[in-house]
N, C-alpha and C. Protein backbone atom coordinates (compact mmCIF):
# COMPACT_ATOMS: atom_id res chain seq x y z
N UNK A 1 150.48 95.61 114.24
CA UNK A 1 151.52 93.96 114.36
C UNK A 1 150.69 92.90 113.69
N UNK A 2 151.53 92.80 113.27
CA UNK A 2 151.05 90.98 111.71
C UNK A 2 151.29 90.18 113.09
N UNK A 3 150.03 89.26 112.67
CA UNK A 3 150.17 87.79 113.34
C UNK A 3 149.86 86.80 112.50
N UNK A 4 150.80 85.73 112.53
CA UNK A 4 150.43 84.78 111.36
C UNK A 4 149.86 83.05 112.34
N UNK A 5 148.84 83.02 112.24
CA UNK A 5 148.31 81.38 113.01
C UNK A 5 148.55 80.47 112.06
N UNK A 6 149.44 79.70 112.52
CA UNK A 6 149.05 78.25 111.90
C UNK A 6 148.38 77.34 112.82
N UNK A 7 147.36 77.29 112.27
CA UNK A 7 146.60 76.04 113.25
C UNK A 7 145.59 75.25 112.37
N UNK A 8 145.53 73.98 112.69
CA UNK A 8 144.10 72.91 111.55
C UNK A 8 143.27 72.62 112.23
N UNK A 9 142.96 73.19 113.18
CA UNK A 9 141.91 73.07 113.46
C UNK A 9 140.70 74.47 113.18
N UNK A 10 140.11 74.43 112.53
CA UNK A 10 139.47 75.42 112.04
C UNK A 10 138.16 75.78 113.15
N UNK A 11 137.93 74.81 114.41
CA UNK A 11 137.04 75.10 115.29
C UNK A 11 137.81 75.80 116.11
N UNK A 12 139.56 75.60 116.32
CA UNK A 12 139.82 76.50 117.07
C UNK A 12 140.14 78.04 116.25
N UNK A 13 141.16 77.34 115.35
CA UNK A 13 141.50 78.99 114.62
C UNK A 13 140.58 79.71 114.60
N UNK A 14 139.24 79.64 113.59
CA UNK A 14 138.11 80.52 113.80
C UNK A 14 138.05 81.90 115.33
N UNK A 15 137.41 81.34 116.14
CA UNK A 15 137.58 81.58 117.44
C UNK A 15 139.34 83.04 117.71
N UNK A 16 140.23 82.33 117.31
CA UNK A 16 141.04 83.08 117.37
C UNK A 16 141.42 84.32 116.45
N UNK A 17 142.01 83.55 115.13
CA UNK A 17 141.30 84.70 114.31
C UNK A 17 140.31 85.99 114.73
N UNK A 18 139.23 85.96 115.26
CA UNK A 18 138.21 86.74 115.50
C UNK A 18 138.62 88.01 116.72
N UNK A 19 139.41 87.11 117.29
CA UNK A 19 139.82 87.59 118.63
C UNK A 19 140.84 88.52 118.38
N UNK A 20 141.88 88.09 117.68
CA UNK A 20 142.68 88.79 117.61
C UNK A 20 142.29 90.22 116.15
N UNK A 21 141.62 90.07 115.72
CA UNK A 21 140.96 91.03 114.39
C UNK A 21 140.24 92.15 115.05
N UNK A 22 139.68 91.68 116.33
CA UNK A 22 139.07 92.65 117.58
C UNK A 22 139.54 93.39 117.96
N UNK A 23 140.61 92.64 118.61
CA UNK A 23 142.02 93.88 119.12
C UNK A 23 142.78 94.70 117.94
N UNK A 24 142.71 94.81 116.99
CA UNK A 24 142.94 95.21 115.91
C UNK A 24 144.47 94.88 114.98
N UNK A 25 144.66 93.77 115.72
CA UNK A 25 146.00 93.05 115.41
C UNK A 25 145.70 92.50 113.36
N UNK A 26 146.85 92.65 112.94
CA UNK A 26 146.62 92.63 111.46
C UNK A 26 146.91 91.16 111.47
N UNK A 27 145.92 89.85 110.80
CA UNK A 27 146.15 88.42 110.91
C UNK A 27 145.58 87.24 109.72
N UNK A 28 146.62 86.57 109.67
CA UNK A 28 146.98 85.86 108.54
C UNK A 28 146.67 83.93 109.29
N UNK A 29 145.75 83.20 108.93
CA UNK A 29 145.58 82.05 109.11
C UNK A 29 146.00 81.37 108.18
N UNK A 30 147.29 79.85 108.28
CA UNK A 30 147.42 79.20 107.88
C UNK A 30 146.96 77.50 108.55
N UNK A 31 146.63 76.78 107.60
CA UNK A 31 145.86 75.07 108.34
C UNK A 31 147.18 74.33 107.98
N UNK A 32 148.25 74.47 108.27
CA UNK A 32 149.34 73.59 107.48
C UNK A 32 150.32 74.10 107.02
N UNK A 33 151.62 73.25 107.16
CA UNK A 33 153.26 74.13 107.12
C UNK A 33 153.32 74.21 106.25
N UNK A 34 152.82 73.61 105.22
CA UNK A 34 153.13 74.47 103.80
C UNK A 34 152.72 76.15 103.66
N UNK A 35 151.77 75.98 104.04
CA UNK A 35 150.89 77.32 103.78
C UNK A 35 151.09 78.29 104.53
N UNK A 36 151.90 77.71 106.23
CA UNK A 36 152.27 78.91 106.51
C UNK A 36 153.89 79.06 106.23
N UNK A 37 154.10 78.67 105.04
CA UNK A 37 156.07 78.79 104.54
C UNK A 37 155.15 80.15 103.70
N UNK A 38 154.27 79.87 102.76
CA UNK A 38 154.39 80.78 102.23
C UNK A 38 153.75 81.92 102.20
N UNK A 39 152.91 81.93 103.64
CA UNK A 39 152.83 83.26 104.25
C UNK A 39 153.66 83.95 104.89
N UNK A 40 154.50 83.43 105.39
CA UNK A 40 155.51 83.64 106.11
C UNK A 40 155.89 84.80 105.44
N UNK A 41 156.66 84.67 104.06
CA UNK A 41 157.30 85.48 103.01
C UNK A 41 156.83 86.53 102.78
N UNK A 42 155.02 86.32 103.14
CA UNK A 42 154.61 87.74 101.97
C UNK A 42 153.95 88.64 103.43
N UNK A 43 153.62 87.28 104.67
CA UNK A 43 152.99 88.63 105.49
C UNK A 43 154.29 89.16 106.45
N UNK A 44 155.58 88.57 106.66
CA UNK A 44 156.88 89.18 107.30
C UNK A 44 156.15 89.30 108.77
N UNK A 45 155.61 88.16 109.44
CA UNK A 45 154.69 88.44 110.90
C UNK A 45 155.67 89.11 111.77
N UNK A 46 155.65 89.47 113.12
CA UNK A 46 155.64 89.95 113.82
C UNK A 46 155.97 89.22 115.32
N UNK A 47 154.80 87.67 115.36
CA UNK A 47 154.48 86.78 115.91
C UNK A 47 153.89 85.73 115.47
N UNK A 48 154.36 84.44 115.26
CA UNK A 48 153.56 83.26 114.87
C UNK A 48 152.86 82.79 116.22
N UNK A 49 151.83 82.37 116.17
CA UNK A 49 151.03 81.57 116.60
C UNK A 49 151.34 80.09 116.17
N UNK A 50 151.61 78.58 116.38
CA UNK A 50 152.14 77.67 115.92
C UNK A 50 151.81 76.34 116.43
N UNK A 51 150.64 75.72 115.99
CA UNK A 51 150.53 74.66 116.63
C UNK A 51 151.78 73.27 116.40
N UNK A 52 152.12 72.63 116.82
CA UNK A 52 153.10 71.85 116.94
C UNK A 52 152.77 70.70 116.02
N UNK A 53 151.07 70.35 116.50
CA UNK A 53 150.64 68.95 115.98
C UNK A 53 149.89 69.57 114.15
N UNK A 54 150.33 69.32 112.84
CA UNK A 54 149.67 69.88 111.44
C UNK A 54 149.69 68.76 110.81
N UNK A 55 149.22 68.41 109.44
CA UNK A 55 149.15 67.99 108.92
C UNK A 55 150.17 66.96 108.12
N UNK A 56 151.56 67.94 108.32
CA UNK A 56 152.54 67.15 107.94
C UNK A 56 153.35 66.54 108.98
N UNK A 57 152.53 66.18 109.95
CA UNK A 57 153.17 65.29 111.04
C UNK A 57 152.98 65.82 112.62
N UNK A 58 153.01 64.94 113.15
CA UNK A 58 152.99 65.56 114.82
C UNK A 58 154.09 66.34 115.17
N UNK A 59 155.01 66.54 114.34
CA UNK A 59 156.38 67.74 114.87
C UNK A 59 156.27 68.78 113.64
N UNK A 60 155.85 68.78 113.37
CA UNK A 60 155.87 69.67 111.93
C UNK A 60 155.62 70.83 112.44
N UNK A 61 155.08 71.61 114.13
CA UNK A 61 155.34 72.63 114.15
C UNK A 61 157.03 73.29 114.88
N UNK A 62 157.22 72.17 115.41
CA UNK A 62 158.77 72.12 115.68
C UNK A 62 159.64 71.96 114.80
N UNK A 63 159.54 71.50 113.90
CA UNK A 63 160.25 71.12 112.55
C UNK A 63 160.33 72.39 111.24
N UNK A 64 159.62 73.53 112.11
CA UNK A 64 159.01 74.81 111.19
C UNK A 64 158.93 75.59 112.27
N UNK A 65 159.82 75.68 113.19
CA UNK A 65 160.14 76.59 114.19
C UNK A 65 161.36 76.69 113.95
N UNK A 66 162.64 75.37 114.09
CA UNK A 66 163.30 75.37 113.72
C UNK A 66 164.29 75.74 112.57
N UNK A 67 163.66 75.66 111.40
CA UNK A 67 163.31 75.64 110.47
C UNK A 67 164.02 77.66 110.16
N UNK A 68 162.84 77.87 110.93
CA UNK A 68 162.47 79.54 110.70
C UNK A 68 163.15 80.42 111.00
N UNK A 69 164.09 80.06 112.38
CA UNK A 69 165.47 80.16 113.13
C UNK A 69 166.76 79.99 112.70
N UNK A 70 166.83 79.19 111.72
CA UNK A 70 167.86 79.10 110.87
C UNK A 70 167.93 79.68 109.88
N UNK A 71 166.98 80.44 109.14
CA UNK A 71 166.57 81.05 108.12
C UNK A 71 166.99 82.94 108.75
N UNK A 72 166.83 83.00 110.20
CA UNK A 72 166.92 84.10 110.44
C UNK A 72 165.66 84.68 111.07
N UNK A 73 164.36 84.33 111.62
CA UNK A 73 163.61 84.76 111.42
C UNK A 73 163.66 85.14 113.11
N UNK A 74 163.81 86.10 113.00
CA UNK A 74 163.21 87.23 114.59
C UNK A 74 162.28 87.46 114.91
N UNK A 75 160.94 87.17 114.52
CA UNK A 75 160.02 87.28 115.59
C UNK A 75 159.63 86.64 116.65
N UNK A 76 158.45 86.76 117.05
CA UNK A 76 158.09 85.91 118.40
C UNK A 76 157.72 84.63 117.79
N UNK A 77 157.62 83.50 118.38
CA UNK A 77 156.51 82.18 117.89
C UNK A 77 156.38 81.45 119.45
N UNK A 78 155.10 81.71 119.48
CA UNK A 78 154.36 81.11 120.60
C UNK A 78 153.61 79.32 120.27
N UNK A 79 154.22 78.89 120.84
CA UNK A 79 153.98 77.50 120.29
C UNK A 79 152.16 77.24 121.15
N UNK A 80 151.34 76.36 120.41
CA UNK A 80 150.01 75.61 120.79
C UNK A 80 149.51 74.58 120.49
N UNK A 81 149.53 73.76 121.46
CA UNK A 81 149.75 72.54 121.45
C UNK A 81 148.71 71.77 123.12
N UNK A 82 148.31 70.21 122.29
CA UNK A 82 148.03 69.55 123.42
C UNK A 82 149.03 68.59 124.23
N UNK A 83 150.46 68.70 123.50
CA UNK A 83 151.39 68.26 124.23
C UNK A 83 152.12 68.97 125.04
N UNK A 84 152.36 68.10 126.48
CA UNK A 84 152.31 69.24 127.88
C UNK A 84 153.54 68.08 128.79
N UNK A 85 154.17 67.55 128.05
CA UNK A 85 155.08 67.15 129.20
C UNK A 85 155.73 68.03 128.86
N UNK A 86 156.77 68.13 130.03
CA UNK A 86 158.00 68.84 130.16
C UNK A 86 158.76 68.69 129.36
N UNK A 87 159.28 67.24 128.57
CA UNK A 87 159.91 67.10 127.35
C UNK A 87 159.91 67.75 126.33
N UNK A 88 158.29 68.10 125.74
CA UNK A 88 157.78 68.54 124.99
C UNK A 88 158.20 70.36 124.85
N UNK A 89 157.87 70.92 126.29
CA UNK A 89 157.87 72.14 126.59
C UNK A 89 159.74 72.68 126.47
N UNK A 90 160.76 71.67 126.50
CA UNK A 90 162.12 71.97 126.49
C UNK A 90 162.25 72.08 125.00
N UNK A 91 161.74 70.89 124.03
CA UNK A 91 162.07 70.62 122.99
C UNK A 91 161.74 72.52 122.08
N UNK A 92 160.30 72.68 122.92
CA UNK A 92 159.98 73.56 121.84
C UNK A 92 160.61 74.75 122.27
N UNK A 93 161.20 75.09 123.30
CA UNK A 93 161.98 76.65 123.63
C UNK A 93 162.76 76.09 123.28
N UNK A 94 163.89 74.85 123.23
CA UNK A 94 164.86 75.06 122.67
C UNK A 94 165.25 74.96 120.90
N UNK A 95 164.11 74.81 119.81
CA UNK A 95 164.18 75.15 119.33
C UNK A 95 163.49 75.93 118.54
N UNK A 96 163.52 77.55 119.19
CA UNK A 96 163.42 78.85 119.22
C UNK A 96 161.73 79.26 119.00
N UNK A 97 161.43 78.21 120.28
CA UNK A 97 159.73 78.90 120.47
C UNK A 97 160.19 80.38 121.70
N UNK A 98 159.15 80.81 121.93
CA UNK A 98 159.61 82.23 123.00
C UNK A 98 158.65 82.04 124.39
N UNK A 99 157.40 80.93 123.67
CA UNK A 99 156.50 80.85 124.88
C UNK A 99 156.18 79.61 124.26
N UNK A 100 155.03 78.76 125.40
CA UNK A 100 154.30 77.48 125.00
C UNK A 100 153.12 77.40 125.54
N UNK A 101 151.87 77.52 125.01
CA UNK A 101 151.09 76.94 125.48
C UNK A 101 150.12 76.19 125.01
N UNK A 102 149.57 75.55 126.32
CA UNK A 102 148.55 74.07 126.25
C UNK A 102 147.47 74.10 126.34
N UNK A 103 147.07 73.52 125.01
CA UNK A 103 145.03 73.30 124.73
C UNK A 103 144.76 72.48 126.47
N UNK A 104 143.76 72.41 126.32
CA UNK A 104 142.90 74.19 126.12
C UNK A 104 143.29 74.75 126.90
N UNK A 105 143.07 76.37 126.10
CA UNK A 105 143.67 77.49 126.99
C UNK A 105 141.98 78.62 126.61
N UNK A 106 142.16 79.65 127.34
CA UNK A 106 141.30 80.39 127.56
C UNK A 106 141.48 81.33 126.48
N UNK A 107 140.66 81.91 126.22
CA UNK A 107 140.83 83.29 125.03
C UNK A 107 142.18 83.99 125.53
N UNK A 108 141.34 84.72 126.85
CA UNK A 108 142.03 85.69 128.13
C UNK A 108 143.69 85.72 127.33
N UNK A 109 144.28 84.39 128.21
CA UNK A 109 145.33 83.80 128.62
C UNK A 109 145.84 83.94 126.99
N UNK A 110 145.34 83.67 126.07
CA UNK A 110 146.07 83.63 124.46
C UNK A 110 146.76 84.97 124.47
N UNK A 111 145.34 85.77 125.02
CA UNK A 111 145.95 87.43 124.16
C UNK A 111 146.33 87.81 124.87
N UNK A 112 146.76 87.90 126.37
CA UNK A 112 147.29 88.35 127.26
C UNK A 112 148.75 87.79 127.01
N UNK A 113 149.31 86.39 126.37
CA UNK A 113 150.82 85.71 126.18
C UNK A 113 151.14 86.54 125.10
N UNK A 114 150.22 86.93 124.44
CA UNK A 114 150.49 87.87 122.75
C UNK A 114 150.94 88.78 122.97
N UNK A 115 150.24 89.87 123.87
CA UNK A 115 150.50 91.40 124.16
C UNK A 115 152.16 90.82 124.98
N UNK A 116 152.74 89.78 125.41
CA UNK A 116 153.44 90.14 126.65
C UNK A 116 154.57 89.67 125.27
N UNK A 117 154.43 88.45 124.27
CA UNK A 117 155.66 88.14 124.09
C UNK A 117 156.02 89.51 122.59
N UNK A 118 154.89 89.95 122.44
CA UNK A 118 155.33 91.64 121.57
C UNK A 118 156.52 92.37 121.96
N UNK A 119 155.84 92.76 123.25
CA UNK A 119 156.51 93.64 124.48
C UNK A 119 158.15 93.17 124.89
N UNK A 120 158.14 91.71 125.02
CA UNK A 120 158.93 91.15 125.23
C UNK A 120 160.11 91.27 124.29
N UNK A 121 159.57 91.00 122.99
CA UNK A 121 160.66 90.69 122.14
C UNK A 121 160.62 92.40 121.43
N UNK A 122 160.64 93.10 121.81
CA UNK A 122 161.12 94.46 122.04
C UNK A 122 160.29 95.25 120.51
N UNK A 123 159.08 94.46 119.96
CA UNK A 123 158.05 95.06 119.20
C UNK A 123 157.39 95.94 119.17
N UNK A 124 156.92 95.88 120.77
CA UNK A 124 156.49 97.04 121.36
C UNK A 124 157.51 97.06 122.78
N UNK A 125 158.00 98.44 122.46
CA UNK A 125 158.92 98.72 123.46
C UNK A 125 158.61 99.13 124.62
N UNK A 126 157.31 99.69 124.72
CA UNK A 126 156.32 99.83 126.23
C UNK A 126 155.04 99.85 126.17
N UNK A 127 154.36 100.16 127.13
CA UNK A 127 152.47 99.55 126.91
C UNK A 127 152.52 100.94 126.49
N UNK A 128 152.88 102.02 126.84
CA UNK A 128 152.44 103.82 126.53
C UNK A 128 153.63 104.58 126.24
N UNK A 129 153.55 104.81 124.97
CA UNK A 129 154.02 106.39 124.89
C UNK A 129 153.42 107.40 124.71
N UNK A 130 153.78 108.23 125.35
CA UNK A 130 153.77 109.71 125.27
C UNK A 130 154.07 110.76 124.96
N UNK A 131 154.06 111.40 124.14
CA UNK A 131 155.12 112.64 122.93
C UNK A 131 154.18 113.79 122.74
N UNK A 132 154.58 115.19 123.84
CA UNK A 132 153.75 116.42 123.16
C UNK A 132 152.09 115.88 123.56
N UNK A 133 151.39 116.20 123.10
CA UNK A 133 149.83 115.76 122.59
C UNK A 133 149.52 114.62 122.61
N UNK A 134 150.37 113.84 121.75
CA UNK A 134 150.08 112.15 121.72
C UNK A 134 150.56 111.62 122.84
N UNK A 135 149.47 110.59 123.05
CA UNK A 135 149.48 109.31 123.95
C UNK A 135 149.10 108.19 123.06
N UNK A 136 149.68 107.47 122.91
CA UNK A 136 149.31 105.69 122.09
C UNK A 136 149.09 104.78 123.60
N UNK A 137 148.52 103.71 123.57
CA UNK A 137 148.06 103.14 124.30
C UNK A 137 148.39 101.21 123.68
N UNK A 138 149.03 101.39 123.53
CA UNK A 138 149.69 99.93 122.45
C UNK A 138 148.54 99.15 122.65
N UNK A 139 148.26 97.93 124.05
CA UNK A 139 148.11 97.51 124.35
C UNK A 139 146.80 97.11 124.47
N UNK A 140 145.88 98.55 124.52
CA UNK A 140 144.59 98.49 124.75
C UNK A 140 144.09 99.26 122.85
N UNK A 141 145.14 99.71 122.03
CA UNK A 141 145.15 100.57 121.55
C UNK A 141 144.42 101.65 120.73
N UNK A 142 144.39 102.74 121.97
CA UNK A 142 143.79 103.69 122.24
C UNK A 142 144.49 104.86 121.93
N UNK A 143 144.06 105.31 121.45
CA UNK A 143 145.16 107.12 120.79
C UNK A 143 144.40 108.06 121.21
N UNK A 144 145.58 109.36 122.26
CA UNK A 144 144.62 110.47 122.49
C UNK A 144 145.46 111.68 122.05
N UNK A 145 144.78 112.77 121.74
CA UNK A 145 145.39 113.59 121.32
C UNK A 145 144.95 115.14 122.55
N UNK A 146 146.05 115.61 122.94
CA UNK A 146 145.65 116.86 124.08
C UNK A 146 144.65 116.17 125.11
N UNK A 147 144.73 114.75 125.28
CA UNK A 147 143.99 114.01 126.26
C UNK A 147 142.33 113.86 125.87
N UNK A 148 142.08 113.80 124.67
CA UNK A 148 141.41 113.06 123.53
C UNK A 148 141.21 112.16 123.36
N UNK A 149 140.34 111.26 123.32
CA UNK A 149 140.37 110.41 122.84
C UNK A 149 140.21 110.32 121.20
N UNK A 150 140.58 109.85 120.54
CA UNK A 150 140.52 109.73 119.03
C UNK A 150 140.30 108.61 118.47
N UNK A 151 139.40 108.52 117.68
CA UNK A 151 139.02 107.41 116.90
C UNK A 151 140.03 106.90 115.35
N UNK A 152 140.69 105.86 115.55
CA UNK A 152 141.55 105.56 114.23
C UNK A 152 140.74 104.42 113.59
N UNK A 153 140.76 104.30 112.44
CA UNK A 153 140.80 102.56 111.41
C UNK A 153 141.93 102.21 111.97
N UNK A 154 141.74 101.04 111.53
CA UNK A 154 142.68 100.10 111.52
C UNK A 154 143.90 100.30 111.03
N UNK A 155 143.81 100.75 109.84
CA UNK A 155 145.32 101.02 108.84
C UNK A 155 145.94 102.15 109.63
N UNK A 156 145.38 103.17 110.01
CA UNK A 156 145.38 104.68 110.53
C UNK A 156 145.99 104.08 111.65
N UNK A 157 145.61 103.19 112.76
CA UNK A 157 146.45 103.09 113.49
C UNK A 157 148.04 102.17 113.43
N UNK A 158 147.26 101.09 112.61
CA UNK A 158 148.57 100.48 112.16
C UNK A 158 149.64 101.27 111.84
N UNK A 159 149.92 102.30 111.02
CA UNK A 159 150.87 103.46 110.60
C UNK A 159 151.38 103.86 111.79
N UNK A 160 150.47 104.47 112.29
CA UNK A 160 150.79 105.29 113.59
C UNK A 160 151.29 104.49 114.47
N UNK A 161 150.90 103.01 114.51
CA UNK A 161 151.81 102.43 115.90
C UNK A 161 153.06 102.06 115.45
N UNK A 162 153.63 101.47 113.74
CA UNK A 162 154.98 101.38 113.89
C UNK A 162 155.89 102.53 113.22
N UNK A 163 155.56 103.81 113.25
CA UNK A 163 156.15 105.22 113.79
C UNK A 163 156.10 105.11 115.78
N UNK A 164 155.34 105.09 116.46
CA UNK A 164 154.85 104.77 117.49
C UNK A 164 156.43 104.41 118.54
N UNK A 165 156.40 102.79 117.68
CA UNK A 165 157.22 101.97 118.50
C UNK A 165 159.05 102.49 118.36
N UNK A 166 158.62 102.95 117.50
CA UNK A 166 160.51 103.30 116.90
C UNK A 166 160.35 105.18 117.09
N UNK A 167 160.21 105.75 117.84
CA UNK A 167 159.50 107.50 117.62
C UNK A 167 160.91 108.12 116.94
N UNK A 168 162.56 107.91 117.44
CA UNK A 168 163.28 108.68 116.82
C UNK A 168 163.85 108.01 115.36
N UNK A 169 163.39 106.76 114.73
CA UNK A 169 163.76 106.27 113.21
C UNK A 169 163.13 106.51 112.47
N UNK A 170 163.54 107.17 111.48
CA UNK A 170 162.89 107.82 109.43
C UNK A 170 162.59 106.06 109.14
N UNK A 171 161.27 106.30 108.76
CA UNK A 171 160.66 104.76 107.96
C UNK A 171 160.76 105.37 106.74
N UNK A 172 161.70 104.59 105.56
CA UNK A 172 161.43 104.56 103.98
C UNK A 172 160.43 103.97 103.86
N UNK A 173 159.89 105.09 102.81
CA UNK A 173 158.28 104.82 102.25
C UNK A 173 157.81 103.09 101.52
N UNK A 174 159.22 102.62 101.32
CA UNK A 174 159.02 101.35 100.78
C UNK A 174 158.62 100.55 102.14
N UNK A 175 159.40 100.62 103.24
CA UNK A 175 159.37 99.71 103.90
C UNK A 175 158.20 99.71 104.87
N UNK A 176 157.70 101.18 104.60
CA UNK A 176 155.96 101.24 105.25
C UNK A 176 155.03 100.70 104.58
N UNK A 177 155.31 100.51 103.21
CA UNK A 177 154.07 100.18 102.20
C UNK A 177 154.28 98.50 102.70
N UNK A 178 155.34 97.86 102.96
CA UNK A 178 155.56 96.56 102.88
C UNK A 178 154.94 95.97 104.33
N UNK A 179 155.37 96.99 105.54
CA UNK A 179 154.61 96.66 106.41
C UNK A 179 153.26 96.81 106.92
N UNK A 180 153.13 97.60 106.22
CA UNK A 180 151.65 98.26 106.76
C UNK A 180 150.26 98.34 105.81
N UNK A 181 150.94 98.44 103.82
CA UNK A 181 150.15 98.13 103.22
C UNK A 181 150.33 96.81 102.51
N UNK A 182 150.44 96.10 102.89
CA UNK A 182 151.15 94.84 101.80
C UNK A 182 150.01 94.64 100.73
N UNK A 183 150.79 94.07 99.77
CA UNK A 183 149.68 93.92 98.09
C UNK A 183 149.08 94.72 98.27
N UNK A 184 148.82 96.18 98.09
CA UNK A 184 148.61 97.35 97.56
C UNK A 184 149.19 97.59 96.31
N UNK A 185 147.44 97.76 95.18
CA UNK A 185 148.27 97.95 93.81
C UNK A 185 148.30 99.61 94.11
N UNK A 186 148.00 100.50 94.89
CA UNK A 186 148.14 101.59 94.80
C UNK A 186 149.34 102.59 95.23
N UNK A 187 150.48 101.67 95.28
CA UNK A 187 151.83 102.43 95.25
C UNK A 187 151.74 103.21 96.39
N UNK A 188 152.84 104.15 96.54
CA UNK A 188 153.10 105.32 97.87
C UNK A 188 151.96 106.07 97.75
N UNK A 189 150.69 106.22 96.71
CA UNK A 189 149.60 107.18 96.83
C UNK A 189 148.98 106.64 98.28
N UNK A 190 148.63 105.33 98.92
CA UNK A 190 147.90 104.99 99.75
C UNK A 190 148.34 105.33 100.93
N UNK A 191 149.83 105.90 100.65
CA UNK A 191 150.54 105.93 102.24
C UNK A 191 150.50 107.35 102.49
N UNK A 192 150.18 108.28 101.21
CA UNK A 192 150.52 109.59 101.56
C UNK A 192 149.19 109.98 101.73
N UNK A 193 147.97 109.48 101.44
CA UNK A 193 146.36 109.20 102.02
C UNK A 193 146.47 109.38 103.54
N UNK A 194 147.05 107.90 104.07
CA UNK A 194 146.89 107.56 105.27
C UNK A 194 147.69 108.27 106.25
N UNK A 195 148.97 108.77 105.64
CA UNK A 195 149.50 110.18 106.46
C UNK A 195 148.24 111.62 106.61
N UNK A 196 148.17 111.68 105.65
CA UNK A 196 147.76 113.01 105.53
C UNK A 196 145.72 112.72 106.68
N UNK A 197 145.53 111.75 106.45
CA UNK A 197 144.16 111.44 107.43
C UNK A 197 144.76 111.31 108.95
N UNK A 198 145.73 110.91 109.27
CA UNK A 198 146.04 111.23 110.56
C UNK A 198 146.35 112.46 111.01
N UNK A 199 147.29 113.30 109.75
CA UNK A 199 147.15 114.71 110.28
C UNK A 199 146.39 115.64 110.57
N UNK A 200 145.33 114.82 109.45
CA UNK A 200 143.96 115.69 109.92
C UNK A 200 143.34 115.16 111.18
N UNK A 201 142.98 114.29 111.63
CA UNK A 201 142.80 113.60 113.35
C UNK A 201 143.58 114.52 114.46
N UNK A 202 145.05 114.16 113.88
CA UNK A 202 145.85 114.42 115.32
C UNK A 202 146.91 116.05 115.19
N UNK A 203 146.52 116.21 114.38
CA UNK A 203 147.66 117.42 114.25
C UNK A 203 149.04 117.24 112.61
N UNK A 204 149.10 118.51 112.16
CA UNK A 204 149.40 118.36 111.01
C UNK A 204 151.13 118.07 111.69
N UNK A 205 151.69 118.19 112.36
CA UNK A 205 153.08 117.67 112.88
C UNK A 205 153.39 116.03 113.98
N UNK A 206 152.00 115.87 113.68
CA UNK A 206 152.11 114.54 113.98
C UNK A 206 153.45 113.25 113.51
N UNK A 207 152.84 113.91 111.99
CA UNK A 207 154.51 113.25 111.20
C UNK A 207 154.91 113.91 110.18
N UNK A 208 156.32 113.60 110.59
CA UNK A 208 157.20 114.29 109.53
C UNK A 208 157.80 113.81 108.49
N UNK A 209 157.72 114.60 107.52
CA UNK A 209 158.05 114.11 106.27
C UNK A 209 159.73 114.17 105.47
N UNK A 210 159.80 113.64 105.46
CA UNK A 210 161.65 113.71 105.52
C UNK A 210 162.17 112.89 104.20
N UNK A 211 163.78 113.42 103.63
CA UNK A 211 163.94 112.99 102.06
C UNK A 211 163.49 111.38 102.50
N UNK A 212 163.17 110.72 101.61
CA UNK A 212 163.23 109.44 101.78
C UNK A 212 161.93 108.50 102.47
N UNK A 213 161.30 109.55 103.62
CA UNK A 213 160.87 108.59 104.46
C UNK A 213 159.87 109.86 105.53
N UNK A 214 159.82 109.01 106.52
CA UNK A 214 158.30 109.45 107.48
C UNK A 214 158.98 109.21 108.78
N UNK A 215 158.86 110.02 110.11
CA UNK A 215 159.18 109.80 111.42
C UNK A 215 157.96 110.97 112.21
N UNK A 216 157.62 109.77 113.17
CA UNK A 216 157.03 110.72 114.35
C UNK A 216 157.34 112.21 114.31
N UNK A 217 156.41 112.86 114.82
CA UNK A 217 157.02 114.01 114.82
C UNK A 217 156.35 114.68 116.33
N UNK A 218 155.32 115.45 116.67
CA UNK A 218 154.89 116.08 117.98
C UNK A 218 156.16 116.00 118.74
């Protein structure tokens, strides 16, 4: 899953980025509204954790959320802010926010809100996928094959996760490259390499190659 953190406090952003990366999310960090706008187009995030007060103004996060919804952004938006009045919460939700977390907050609660939003928004349709010998635990980022744990790299898990979230869907090559391997210079070759690695670790039939793309097998 791809997450964009928009937060101008380095002291807060550092621990949050480290936490999310430990949980094997793909994370980018922007410290201003302007930088966030550039990264959103490049990253196509599944979720944006968005500070309300940014260098562009005390309501910059609200303005960015309103703009994103108007432009059709369909991912989740989690507001992070010290503005804790009922009016602020209502405004944030009305402008397109999905949740509102008041500072200071615990890292554990932040992570729990992230997981809940990804599930709620349909990005992760269920906590666990079991399909033949394959078991994927989305929240804990664990994978089992024939009941045995299998260690996957971050990119291996990201590719499997994308396929496992929508097990009946056929993913085009370009879409998988965009979602899992953005900005790569290796083109289609890198996707073939990772498909091969997953088949080596999980069995030849874990991913099925079809005309134009791939789908989950097993």
